[in-house]
């Protein structure tokens, strides 16, 4: 799945292939694939953008929102 993310280090907004997102026991999102910023190469420092939050809501709750 492609998700819109923002790097927590250099603030670049970019689309990232995260694989299949899941939720852990604390309801935090866990990516199947490691996310690396294409600009500064920061690893796992990503933040969801507003669009990314909408994408996750649709992914996890899409069937309930119809």
N, C-alpha and C. Protein backbone atom coordinates (compact mmCIF):
# COMPACT_ATOMS: atom_id res chain seq x y z
N UNK A 1 0.85 -1.17 0.00
CA UNK A 1 0.00 0.00 0.00
C UNK A 1 0.89 1.24 0.00
N UNK A 2 0.52 2.22 -0.79
CA UNK A 2 1.22 3.49 -0.84
C UNK A 2 0.54 4.46 0.13
N UNK A 3 1.31 5.04 1.03
CA UNK A 3 0.78 5.96 2.05
C UNK A 3 1.56 7.27 1.99
N UNK A 4 0.86 8.38 2.16
CA UNK A 4 1.48 9.69 2.15
C UNK A 4 2.08 9.95 3.53
N UNK A 5 3.40 10.16 3.59
CA UNK A 5 4.11 10.34 4.85
C UNK A 5 4.95 11.61 4.83
N UNK A 6 5.38 12.04 6.02
CA UNK A 6 6.28 13.19 6.16
C UNK A 6 7.45 12.75 7.02
N UNK A 7 8.66 13.06 6.57
CA UNK A 7 9.85 12.70 7.33
C UNK A 7 9.93 13.55 8.60
N UNK A 8 10.14 12.91 9.73
CA UNK A 8 10.26 13.61 11.00
C UNK A 8 11.58 14.35 11.15
N UNK A 9 12.54 14.05 10.27
CA UNK A 9 13.85 14.71 10.32
C UNK A 9 13.91 15.91 9.39
N UNK A 10 13.75 15.69 8.08
CA UNK A 10 13.93 16.78 7.09
C UNK A 10 12.61 17.38 6.62
N UNK A 11 11.47 16.83 7.07
CA UNK A 11 10.12 17.35 6.78
C UNK A 11 9.65 17.13 5.34
N UNK A 12 10.35 16.32 4.56
CA UNK A 12 9.91 16.00 3.20
C UNK A 12 8.62 15.21 3.24
N UNK A 13 7.64 15.58 2.43
CA UNK A 13 6.41 14.81 2.27
C UNK A 13 6.59 13.92 1.05
N UNK A 14 6.31 12.63 1.21
CA UNK A 14 6.55 11.69 0.12
C UNK A 14 5.61 10.49 0.21
N UNK A 15 5.32 9.87 -0.94
CA UNK A 15 4.53 8.64 -0.93
C UNK A 15 5.48 7.47 -0.64
N UNK A 16 5.05 6.55 0.20
CA UNK A 16 5.90 5.41 0.56
C UNK A 16 5.13 4.11 0.46
N UNK A 17 5.78 3.10 -0.07
CA UNK A 17 5.21 1.75 -0.11
C UNK A 17 5.48 1.12 1.25
N UNK A 18 4.44 0.97 2.05
CA UNK A 18 4.59 0.45 3.41
C UNK A 18 4.19 -1.01 3.53
N UNK A 19 3.79 -1.61 2.41
CA UNK A 19 3.28 -2.98 2.47
C UNK A 19 1.89 -2.98 3.05
N UNK A 20 1.57 -3.98 3.83
CA UNK A 20 0.25 -4.06 4.46
C UNK A 20 0.34 -3.55 5.89
N UNK A 21 -0.35 -2.45 6.21
CA UNK A 21 -0.32 -1.94 7.59
C UNK A 21 -1.14 -2.83 8.52
N UNK A 22 -0.68 -2.94 9.76
CA UNK A 22 -1.42 -3.67 10.78
C UNK A 22 -1.43 -2.82 12.05
N UNK A 23 -2.19 -3.25 13.03
CA UNK A 23 -2.22 -2.57 14.33
C UNK A 23 -1.62 -3.48 15.38
N UNK A 24 -0.79 -2.91 16.27
CA UNK A 24 -0.23 -3.71 17.35
C UNK A 24 -1.19 -3.71 18.54
N UNK A 25 -0.76 -4.27 19.66
CA UNK A 25 -1.63 -4.40 20.83
C UNK A 25 -2.01 -3.05 21.44
N UNK A 26 -1.26 -1.99 21.10
CA UNK A 26 -1.59 -0.64 21.59
C UNK A 26 -2.33 0.18 20.55
N UNK A 27 -2.78 -0.48 19.48
CA UNK A 27 -3.48 0.16 18.35
C UNK A 27 -2.61 1.16 17.61
N UNK A 28 -1.30 0.95 17.65
CA UNK A 28 -0.38 1.76 16.85
C UNK A 28 -0.21 1.09 15.49
N UNK A 29 -0.04 1.89 14.45
CA UNK A 29 0.14 1.35 13.11
C UNK A 29 1.55 0.79 12.96
N UNK A 30 1.64 -0.42 12.41
CA UNK A 30 2.92 -1.07 12.14
C UNK A 30 2.99 -1.32 10.64
N UNK A 31 4.07 -0.84 10.01
CA UNK A 31 4.25 -1.04 8.57
C UNK A 31 4.90 -2.40 8.33
N UNK A 32 4.51 -3.05 7.26
CA UNK A 32 5.12 -4.32 6.87
C UNK A 32 6.56 -4.09 6.37
N UNK A 33 6.76 -2.97 5.66
CA UNK A 33 8.08 -2.65 5.10
C UNK A 33 8.71 -1.49 5.85
N UNK A 34 10.03 -1.48 5.91
CA UNK A 34 10.77 -0.39 6.54
C UNK A 34 10.65 0.86 5.68
N UNK A 35 10.40 2.01 6.29
CA UNK A 35 10.27 3.27 5.57
C UNK A 35 11.57 4.06 5.70
N UNK A 36 12.12 4.46 4.55
CA UNK A 36 13.35 5.25 4.50
C UNK A 36 13.07 6.52 3.72
N UNK A 37 13.40 7.67 4.30
CA UNK A 37 13.19 8.95 3.64
C UNK A 37 14.06 9.01 2.38
N UNK A 38 13.47 9.36 1.24
CA UNK A 38 14.26 9.43 0.01
C UNK A 38 15.26 10.59 -0.02
N UNK A 39 15.06 11.61 0.82
CA UNK A 39 15.97 12.76 0.83
C UNK A 39 17.13 12.57 1.81
N UNK A 40 16.80 12.38 3.10
CA UNK A 40 17.85 12.35 4.12
C UNK A 40 18.20 10.93 4.59
N UNK A 41 17.47 9.94 4.10
CA UNK A 41 17.71 8.52 4.42
C UNK A 41 17.41 8.15 5.87
N UNK A 42 16.64 8.99 6.58
CA UNK A 42 16.23 8.64 7.94
C UNK A 42 15.36 7.38 7.89
N UNK A 43 15.57 6.51 8.86
CA UNK A 43 14.84 5.24 8.90
C UNK A 43 13.83 5.28 10.04
N UNK A 44 12.59 4.92 9.73
CA UNK A 44 11.52 4.84 10.72
C UNK A 44 11.31 6.14 11.50
N UNK A 45 11.42 7.28 10.83
CA UNK A 45 11.18 8.59 11.45
C UNK A 45 9.98 9.27 10.81
N UNK A 46 9.11 8.47 10.19
CA UNK A 46 8.02 9.04 9.41
C UNK A 46 6.83 9.43 10.29
N UNK A 47 6.08 10.40 9.79
CA UNK A 47 4.84 10.85 10.41
C UNK A 47 3.75 10.76 9.35
N UNK A 48 2.54 10.47 9.77
CA UNK A 48 1.42 10.48 8.83
C UNK A 48 1.03 11.91 8.51
N UNK A 49 0.83 12.20 7.23
CA UNK A 49 0.28 13.50 6.86
C UNK A 49 -1.23 13.42 7.03
N UNK A 50 -1.92 14.52 6.80
CA UNK A 50 -3.38 14.50 6.86
C UNK A 50 -3.94 13.52 5.84
N UNK A 51 -3.35 13.51 4.64
CA UNK A 51 -3.78 12.56 3.62
C UNK A 51 -3.49 11.12 4.07
N UNK A 52 -2.33 10.92 4.67
CA UNK A 52 -1.97 9.59 5.17
C UNK A 52 -2.94 9.11 6.24
N UNK A 53 -3.38 10.01 7.11
CA UNK A 53 -4.36 9.64 8.13
C UNK A 53 -5.67 9.22 7.48
N UNK A 54 -6.07 9.94 6.44
CA UNK A 54 -7.30 9.57 5.72
C UNK A 54 -7.14 8.21 5.05
N UNK A 55 -5.96 7.96 4.49
CA UNK A 55 -5.70 6.67 3.85
C UNK A 55 -5.79 5.53 4.87
N UNK A 56 -5.26 5.73 6.07
CA UNK A 56 -5.31 4.70 7.10
C UNK A 56 -6.74 4.49 7.60
N UNK A 57 -7.49 5.58 7.77
CA UNK A 57 -8.89 5.46 8.17
C UNK A 57 -9.67 4.64 7.15
N UNK A 58 -9.46 4.93 5.88
CA UNK A 58 -10.15 4.19 4.82
C UNK A 58 -9.71 2.73 4.83
N UNK A 59 -8.42 2.46 5.01
CA UNK A 59 -7.91 1.09 5.00
C UNK A 59 -8.49 0.27 6.15
N UNK A 60 -8.44 0.81 7.36
CA UNK A 60 -8.87 0.04 8.52
C UNK A 60 -10.37 0.05 8.77
N UNK A 61 -11.05 1.15 8.38
CA UNK A 61 -12.47 1.26 8.70
C UNK A 61 -13.36 1.45 7.48
N UNK A 62 -12.81 1.28 6.28
CA UNK A 62 -13.54 1.52 5.05
C UNK A 62 -14.86 0.80 4.95
N UNK A 63 -14.90 -0.47 5.39
CA UNK A 63 -16.15 -1.24 5.33
C UNK A 63 -17.21 -0.69 6.27
N UNK A 64 -16.78 -0.08 7.37
CA UNK A 64 -17.74 0.48 8.33
C UNK A 64 -18.25 1.85 7.90
N UNK A 65 -17.48 2.54 7.05
CA UNK A 65 -17.85 3.88 6.65
C UNK A 65 -18.80 3.93 5.47
N UNK A 66 -19.05 2.76 4.87
CA UNK A 66 -19.92 2.72 3.68
C UNK A 66 -21.37 2.74 4.06
